[in-house]
Amino acid sequence: MNSQEILNQKLNNCYSDIFEKELMDEIVKVGHFDKIESGKLLIDIGSDMTHIPLILEGVVKIIRKKKNGEEIVLYFLEKGSTCAISFVNCINHEKSIFKGVVETTIEAIFLPVEFIDQWLAKYKSWRHFIIDSYHFRLLEMVESIDGLAFMKMHQRLLKYLTDKVKINNNVDLKITHQEIADDLNTSRVVISRIIKQLHDENKIYSTRNKIRVLELFE
């Protein structure tokens, strides 16, 4: 198969039950396929928004940074999703207000803003996809705010680990205490203390840079 046929196959695997064939054909025609390794920066705060990604494989971590430089993870983009908030920034020709870091190596199709705007009027499935995506991301951000406002840190940590398990489809996580602290906007000392507590309570099993989640947050 040539590159366009491979791209079309990957796109069909994720979005054939969402988009019309005519829209799929346009996506393959104008989209740019890229593979980005884990740990790489997908988009930074203040960057120009010229494209939005349709995720085919992998996970992207979306981060918000405070004025003092502290960061907190808001949500994750997974296979079959896009960042609808980036879409709004694209339409309004605004710079990114979030940072996107590749959590696990991604494959994605990047769509130019001039086409995604046109498709709102042209394709019903595209309108529904963007509206649903925006609604879902809004709910995720509200959940993040609720976590900050109402959850104790050990609850936030267990929920964070649970989300990681669901994203990776694996209860065994390779992650450092510092990485968790950065994502939850707290100190490594606090995270290490709570991890030990959760370990003693048999909710997780922790070894150096590895955590097995034994009890999922509900």
C-alpha atoms as a PDB file:
ATOM      1  CA  MET A   1       0.000   0.000   0.000  1.00  0.00           C
ATOM      2  CA  ASN A   2       1.127   3.565  -0.645  1.00  0.00           C
ATOM      3  CA  SER A   3       1.230   6.223   2.092  1.00  0.00           C
ATOM      4  CA  GLN A   4      -2.218   7.599   1.271  1.00  0.00           C
ATOM      5  CA  GLU A   5      -3.782   4.131   1.405  1.00  0.00           C
ATOM      6  CA  ILE A   6      -2.147   3.470   4.784  1.00  0.00           C
ATOM      7  CA  LEU A   7      -3.410   6.805   6.089  1.00  0.00           C
ATOM      8  CA  ASN A   8      -6.902   6.062   4.811  1.00  0.00           C
ATOM      9  CA  GLN A   9      -6.855   2.687   6.573  1.00  0.00           C
ATOM     10  CA  LYS A  10      -5.713   4.218   9.875  1.00  0.00           C
ATOM     11  CA  LEU A  11      -8.367   6.910   9.616  1.00  0.00           C
ATOM     12  CA  ASN A  12     -11.073   4.332   8.904  1.00  0.00           C
ATOM     13  CA  ASN A  13     -10.061   2.322  11.954  1.00  0.00           C
ATOM     14  CA  CYS A  14     -10.781   5.314  14.208  1.00  0.00           C
ATOM     15  CA  TYR A  15     -13.378   7.500  12.541  1.00  0.00           C
ATOM     16  CA  SER A  16     -15.350   5.516   9.932  1.00  0.00           C
ATOM     17  CA  ASP A  17     -18.335   5.233  12.284  1.00  0.00           C
ATOM     18  CA  ILE A  18     -18.279   8.994  12.933  1.00  0.00           C
ATOM     19  CA  PHE A  19     -17.612  10.775   9.610  1.00  0.00           C
ATOM     20  CA  GLU A  20     -19.199  10.593   6.164  1.00  0.00           C
ATOM     21  CA  LYS A  21     -17.088   9.042   3.398  1.00  0.00           C
ATOM     22  CA  GLU A  22     -16.875  12.425   1.641  1.00  0.00           C
ATOM     23  CA  LEU A  23     -15.427  14.009   4.774  1.00  0.00           C
ATOM     24  CA  MET A  24     -13.009  11.108   5.242  1.00  0.00           C
ATOM     25  CA  ASP A  25     -11.800  11.606   1.681  1.00  0.00           C
ATOM     26  CA  GLU A  26     -11.206  15.315   2.325  1.00  0.00           C
ATOM     27  CA  ILE A  27      -9.330  14.592   5.544  1.00  0.00           C
ATOM     28  CA  VAL A  28      -6.983  12.213   3.733  1.00  0.00           C
ATOM     29  CA  LYS A  29      -6.497  14.764   0.949  1.00  0.00           C
ATOM     30  CA  VAL A  30      -5.635  17.832   3.077  1.00  0.00           C
ATOM     31  CA  GLY A  31      -4.429  16.300   6.344  1.00  0.00           C
ATOM     32  CA  HIS A  32      -0.800  15.904   7.327  1.00  0.00           C
ATOM     33  CA  PHE A  33       0.145  12.630   9.009  1.00  0.00           C
ATOM     34  CA  ASP A  34       2.825  12.621  11.692  1.00  0.00           C
ATOM     35  CA  LYS A  35       4.206  10.316  14.358  1.00  0.00           C
ATOM     36  CA  ILE A  36       5.518  11.983  17.522  1.00  0.00           C
ATOM     37  CA  GLU A  37       7.491  10.170  20.195  1.00  0.00           C
ATOM     38  CA  SER A  38       6.662  10.031  23.897  1.00  0.00           C
ATOM     39  CA  GLY A  39       7.892  13.031  25.874  1.00  0.00           C
ATOM     40  CA  LYS A  40       7.882  15.409  22.896  1.00  0.00           C
ATOM     41  CA  LEU A  41       6.014  18.721  22.943  1.00  0.00           C
ATOM     42  CA  LEU A  42       2.980  18.747  20.661  1.00  0.00           C
ATOM     43  CA  ILE A  43       1.946  22.346  21.283  1.00  0.00           C
ATOM     44  CA  ASP A  44       3.147  24.998  23.729  1.00  0.00           C
ATOM     45  CA  ILE A  45       1.408  27.884  25.449  1.00  0.00           C
ATOM     46  CA  GLY A  46       1.604  30.929  23.200  1.00  0.00           C
ATOM     47  CA  SER A  47       2.124  28.928  20.002  1.00  0.00           C
ATOM     48  CA  ASP A  48       0.160  29.823  16.872  1.00  0.00           C
ATOM     49  CA  MET A  49      -2.822  27.544  16.292  1.00  0.00           C
ATOM     50  CA  THR A  50      -2.801  26.566  12.623  1.00  0.00           C
ATOM     51  CA  HIS A  51      -3.843  22.887  12.820  1.00  0.00           C
ATOM     52  CA  ILE A  52      -5.762  20.527  15.088  1.00  0.00           C
ATOM     53  CA  PRO A  53      -4.912  16.828  15.522  1.00  0.00           C
ATOM     54  CA  LEU A  54      -7.104  13.810  15.028  1.00  0.00           C
ATOM     55  CA  ILE A  55      -5.480  11.208  17.267  1.00  0.00           C
ATOM     56  CA  LEU A  56      -5.051   7.794  15.609  1.00  0.00           C
ATOM     57  CA  GLU A  57      -2.849   6.156  18.261  1.00  0.00           C
ATOM     58  CA  GLY A  58      -1.337   7.153  21.591  1.00  0.00           C
ATOM     59  CA  VAL A  59      -2.101   9.730  24.266  1.00  0.00           C
ATOM     60  CA  VAL A  60      -1.450  13.473  24.685  1.00  0.00           C
ATOM     61  CA  LYS A  61      -1.412  15.168  28.083  1.00  0.00           C
ATOM     62  CA  ILE A  62      -3.001  18.645  28.132  1.00  0.00           C
ATOM     63  CA  ILE A  63      -1.477  21.022  30.682  1.00  0.00           C
ATOM     64  CA  ARG A  64      -2.396  24.482  31.934  1.00  0.00           C
ATOM     65  CA  LYS A  65       0.326  26.737  33.331  1.00  0.00           C
ATOM     66  CA  LYS A  66      -0.226  29.389  36.017  1.00  0.00           C
ATOM     67  CA  LYS A  67       1.346  32.840  35.865  1.00  0.00           C
ATOM     68  CA  ASN A  68       3.932  31.756  38.450  1.00  0.00           C
ATOM     69  CA  GLY A  69       5.022  28.915  36.174  1.00  0.00           C
ATOM     70  CA  GLU A  70       3.325  26.062  38.045  1.00  0.00           C
ATOM     71  CA  GLU A  71       1.566  23.495  35.874  1.00  0.00           C
ATOM     72  CA  ILE A  72      -1.387  21.149  36.295  1.00  0.00           C
ATOM     73  CA  VAL A  73      -2.739  18.398  34.054  1.00  0.00           C
ATOM     74  CA  LEU A  74      -6.300  19.058  32.866  1.00  0.00           C
ATOM     75  CA  TYR A  75      -7.090  16.022  30.717  1.00  0.00           C
ATOM     76  CA  PHE A  76      -5.747  13.518  28.200  1.00  0.00           C
ATOM     77  CA  LEU A  77      -6.419  13.185  24.472  1.00  0.00           C
ATOM     78  CA  GLU A  78      -6.708   9.582  23.316  1.00  0.00           C
ATOM     79  CA  LYS A  79      -7.274   7.598  20.143  1.00  0.00           C
ATOM     80  CA  GLY A  80     -10.366   8.807  18.313  1.00  0.00           C
ATOM     81  CA  SER A  81     -10.386  12.269  19.872  1.00  0.00           C
ATOM     82  CA  THR A  82      -9.296  15.825  19.216  1.00  0.00           C
ATOM     83  CA  CYS A  83      -8.773  18.954  21.289  1.00  0.00           C
ATOM     84  CA  ALA A  84     -11.912  20.967  20.613  1.00  0.00           C
ATOM     85  CA  ILE A  85     -10.590  23.894  22.652  1.00  0.00           C
ATOM     86  CA  SER A  86      -7.677  24.089  20.202  1.00  0.00           C
ATOM     87  CA  PHE A  87     -10.310  24.202  17.478  1.00  0.00           C
ATOM     88  CA  VAL A  88     -11.868  27.308  19.033  1.00  0.00           C
ATOM     89  CA  ASN A  89      -8.438  28.948  19.244  1.00  0.00           C
ATOM     90  CA  CYS A  90      -7.832  28.114  15.583  1.00  0.00           C
ATOM     91  CA  ILE A  91     -11.125  29.620  14.451  1.00  0.00           C
ATOM     92  CA  ASN A  92     -10.466  32.830  16.400  1.00  0.00           C
ATOM     93  CA  HIS A  93      -6.827  32.971  15.239  1.00  0.00           C
ATOM     94  CA  GLU A  94      -5.667  32.957  18.851  1.00  0.00           C
ATOM     95  CA  LYS A  95      -2.526  31.487  20.338  1.00  0.00           C
ATOM     96  CA  SER A  96      -2.649  28.305  22.398  1.00  0.00           C
ATOM     97  CA  ILE A  97      -3.564  28.672  26.071  1.00  0.00           C
ATOM     98  CA  PHE A  98      -2.560  25.057  26.827  1.00  0.00           C
ATOM     99  CA  LYS A  99       0.510  22.882  26.510  1.00  0.00           C
ATOM    100  CA  GLY A 100       0.265  19.418  24.972  1.00  0.00           C
ATOM    101  CA  VAL A 101       2.900  16.816  25.843  1.00  0.00           C
ATOM    102  CA  VAL A 102       2.963  13.385  24.194  1.00  0.00           C
ATOM    103  CA  GLU A 103       2.284  10.852  26.964  1.00  0.00           C
ATOM    104  CA  THR A 104       2.639   7.751  24.798  1.00  0.00           C
ATOM    105  CA  THR A 105       3.862   7.900  21.195  1.00  0.00           C
ATOM    106  CA  ILE A 106       1.112   9.237  18.971  1.00  0.00           C
ATOM    107  CA  GLU A 107       0.084   8.947  15.356  1.00  0.00           C
ATOM    108  CA  ALA A 108      -2.166  11.776  14.257  1.00  0.00           C
ATOM    109  CA  ILE A 109      -3.577  13.605  11.269  1.00  0.00           C
ATOM    110  CA  PHE A 110      -3.147  17.369  11.502  1.00  0.00           C
ATOM    111  CA  LEU A 111      -5.863  19.398   9.802  1.00  0.00           C
ATOM    112  CA  PRO A 112      -5.376  22.988   8.554  1.00  0.00           C
ATOM    113  CA  VAL A 113      -7.686  25.500  10.198  1.00  0.00           C
ATOM    114  CA  GLU A 114      -9.117  26.810   6.921  1.00  0.00           C
ATOM    115  CA  PHE A 115     -10.647  23.411   6.176  1.00  0.00           C
ATOM    116  CA  ILE A 116     -11.953  22.573   9.637  1.00  0.00           C
ATOM    117  CA  ASP A 117     -13.837  25.878   9.610  1.00  0.00           C
ATOM    118  CA  GLN A 118     -15.417  25.137   6.217  1.00  0.00           C
ATOM    119  CA  TRP A 119     -16.454  21.654   7.309  1.00  0.00           C
ATOM    120  CA  LEU A 120     -18.647  23.036  10.093  1.00  0.00           C
ATOM    121  CA  ALA A 121     -21.115  24.240   7.480  1.00  0.00           C
ATOM    122  CA  LYS A 122     -20.518  21.401   5.028  1.00  0.00           C
ATOM    123  CA  TYR A 123     -20.696  18.262   7.172  1.00  0.00           C
ATOM    124  CA  LYS A 124     -23.218  17.465   9.891  1.00  0.00           C
ATOM    125  CA  SER A 125     -20.979  14.755  11.346  1.00  0.00           C
ATOM    126  CA  TRP A 126     -18.108  17.226  11.747  1.00  0.00           C
ATOM    127  CA  ARG A 127     -20.335  19.707  13.605  1.00  0.00           C
ATOM    128  CA  HIS A 128     -21.515  16.981  15.973  1.00  0.00           C
ATOM    129  CA  PHE A 129     -17.965  15.714  16.481  1.00  0.00           C
ATOM    130  CA  ILE A 130     -16.639  19.160  17.418  1.00  0.00           C
ATOM    131  CA  ILE A 131     -19.604  19.979  19.689  1.00  0.00           C
ATOM    132  CA  ASP A 132     -19.396  16.594  21.439  1.00  0.00           C
ATOM    133  CA  SER A 133     -15.621  16.944  21.821  1.00  0.00           C
ATOM    134  CA  TYR A 134     -15.946  20.429  23.271  1.00  0.00           C
ATOM    135  CA  HIS A 135     -18.641  19.269  25.689  1.00  0.00           C
ATOM    136  CA  PHE A 136     -16.555  16.293  26.819  1.00  0.00           C
ATOM    137  CA  ARG A 137     -13.411  18.417  27.357  1.00  0.00           C
ATOM    138  CA  LEU A 138     -15.451  20.957  29.322  1.00  0.00           C
ATOM    139  CA  LEU A 139     -16.720  18.193  31.609  1.00  0.00           C
ATOM    140  CA  GLU A 140     -13.156  16.963  32.086  1.00  0.00           C
ATOM    141  CA  MET A 141     -11.987  20.448  33.062  1.00  0.00           C
ATOM    142  CA  VAL A 142     -14.884  20.806  35.513  1.00  0.00           C
ATOM    143  CA  GLU A 143     -13.850  17.462  36.980  1.00  0.00           C
ATOM    144  CA  SER A 144     -10.296  18.769  37.358  1.00  0.00           C
ATOM    145  CA  ILE A 145     -11.592  21.886  39.118  1.00  0.00           C
ATOM    146  CA  ASP A 146     -13.739  19.747  41.407  1.00  0.00           C
ATOM    147  CA  GLY A 147     -10.687  17.676  42.238  1.00  0.00           C
ATOM    148  CA  LEU A 148      -8.732  20.762  43.221  1.00  0.00           C
ATOM    149  CA  ALA A 149     -11.610  22.235  45.208  1.00  0.00           C
ATOM    150  CA  PHE A 150     -13.134  19.236  46.940  1.00  0.00           C
ATOM    151  CA  MET A 151     -10.794  16.216  46.862  1.00  0.00           C
ATOM    152  CA  LYS A 152      -8.076  15.515  49.352  1.00  0.00           C
ATOM    153  CA  MET A 153      -4.655  14.927  47.818  1.00  0.00           C
ATOM    154  CA  HIS A 154      -4.711  11.160  48.350  1.00  0.00           C
ATOM    155  CA  GLN A 155      -8.035  11.013  46.439  1.00  0.00           C
ATOM    156  CA  ARG A 156      -6.601  13.145  43.639  1.00  0.00           C
ATOM    157  CA  LEU A 157      -3.563  10.894  43.450  1.00  0.00           C
ATOM    158  CA  LEU A 158      -5.585   7.687  43.322  1.00  0.00           C
ATOM    159  CA  LYS A 159      -7.863   9.179  40.649  1.00  0.00           C
ATOM    160  CA  TYR A 160      -4.794  10.290  38.685  1.00  0.00           C
ATOM    161  CA  LEU A 161      -3.351   6.764  38.839  1.00  0.00           C
ATOM    162  CA  THR A 162      -6.734   5.303  37.875  1.00  0.00           C
ATOM    163  CA  ASP A 163      -6.882   7.568  34.808  1.00  0.00           C
ATOM    164  CA  LYS A 164      -3.384   6.436  33.873  1.00  0.00           C
ATOM    165  CA  VAL A 165      -4.427   2.793  34.149  1.00  0.00           C
ATOM    166  CA  LYS A 166      -7.426   3.363  31.876  1.00  0.00           C
ATOM    167  CA  ILE A 167      -5.377   5.290  29.319  1.00  0.00           C
ATOM    168  CA  ASN A 168      -2.586   2.704  29.193  1.00  0.00           C
ATOM    169  CA  ASN A 169      -4.912  -0.284  29.683  1.00  0.00           C
ATOM    170  CA  ASN A 170      -2.398  -1.570  32.208  1.00  0.00           C
ATOM    171  CA  VAL A 171      -2.387  -1.555  36.026  1.00  0.00           C
ATOM    172  CA  ASP A 172       1.419  -1.431  36.034  1.00  0.00           C
ATOM    173  CA  LEU A 173       2.649   2.133  35.609  1.00  0.00           C
ATOM    174  CA  LYS A 174       6.228   3.240  35.035  1.00  0.00           C
ATOM    175  CA  ILE A 175       6.339   6.698  36.585  1.00  0.00           C
ATOM    176  CA  THR A 176       8.427   8.674  39.068  1.00  0.00           C
ATOM    177  CA  HIS A 177       7.197  10.490  42.159  1.00  0.00           C
ATOM    178  CA  GLN A 178       8.451  13.752  40.636  1.00  0.00           C
ATOM    179  CA  GLU A 179       6.424  13.249  37.450  1.00  0.00           C
ATOM    180  CA  ILE A 180       3.286  12.708  39.516  1.00  0.00           C
ATOM    181  CA  ALA A 181       4.057  15.765  41.649  1.00  0.00           C
ATOM    182  CA  ASP A 182       4.499  17.905  38.528  1.00  0.00           C
ATOM    183  CA  ASP A 183       1.199  16.720  37.043  1.00  0.00           C
ATOM    184  CA  LEU A 184      -0.712  17.315  40.294  1.00  0.00           C
ATOM    185  CA  ASN A 185       1.036  20.609  41.057  1.00  0.00           C
ATOM    186  CA  THR A 186       2.400  19.596  44.433  1.00  0.00           C
ATOM    187  CA  SER A 187       5.756  18.585  45.925  1.00  0.00           C
ATOM    188  CA  ARG A 188       7.563  15.268  45.491  1.00  0.00           C
ATOM    189  CA  VAL A 189       7.747  14.913  49.290  1.00  0.00           C
ATOM    190  CA  VAL A 190       3.945  15.065  49.564  1.00  0.00           C
ATOM    191  CA  ILE A 191       3.484  12.531  46.759  1.00  0.00           C
ATOM    192  CA  SER A 192       6.057  10.139  48.240  1.00  0.00           C
ATOM    193  CA  ARG A 193       4.293  10.284  51.609  1.00  0.00           C
ATOM    194  CA  ILE A 194       0.866   9.573  50.103  1.00  0.00           C
ATOM    195  CA  ILE A 195       2.217   6.793  47.880  1.00  0.00           C
ATOM    196  CA  LYS A 196       3.636   5.093  50.973  1.00  0.00           C
ATOM    197  CA  GLN A 197       0.250   5.490  52.691  1.00  0.00           C
ATOM    198  CA  LEU A 198      -1.624   3.999  49.716  1.00  0.00           C
ATOM    199  CA  HIS A 199       0.940   1.200  49.540  1.00  0.00           C
ATOM    200  CA  ASP A 200       0.408   0.399  53.245  1.00  0.00           C
ATOM    201  CA  GLU A 201      -3.366   0.406  52.659  1.00  0.00           C
ATOM    202  CA  ASN A 202      -2.906  -2.127  49.798  1.00  0.00           C
ATOM    203  CA  LYS A 203      -4.460   0.241  47.279  1.00  0.00           C
ATOM    204  CA  ILE A 204      -1.240   0.301  45.257  1.00  0.00           C
ATOM    205  CA  TYR A 205       2.016  -1.630  45.212  1.00  0.00           C
ATOM    206  CA  SER A 206       4.957   0.738  44.843  1.00  0.00           C
ATOM    207  CA  THR A 207       8.561   0.020  43.924  1.00  0.00           C
ATOM    208  CA  ARG A 208      11.232   2.339  42.506  1.00  0.00           C
ATOM    209  CA  ASN A 209       9.718   4.284  39.580  1.00  0.00           C
ATOM    210  CA  LYS A 210       6.924   1.708  39.261  1.00  0.00           C
ATOM    211  CA  ILE A 211       3.409   1.560  40.676  1.00  0.00           C
ATOM    212  CA  ARG A 212       0.872  -1.254  40.397  1.00  0.00           C
ATOM    213  CA  VAL A 213      -2.668   0.024  40.999  1.00  0.00           C
ATOM    214  CA  LEU A 214      -4.577  -2.529  43.081  1.00  0.00           C
ATOM    215  CA  GLU A 215      -7.708  -0.459  43.757  1.00  0.00           C
ATOM    216  CA  LEU A 216      -9.220   1.913  41.206  1.00  0.00           C
ATOM    217  CA  PHE A 217     -10.733   5.227  42.253  1.00  0.00           C
ATOM    218  CA  GLU A 218     -14.521   5.375  41.886  1.00  0.00           C
END
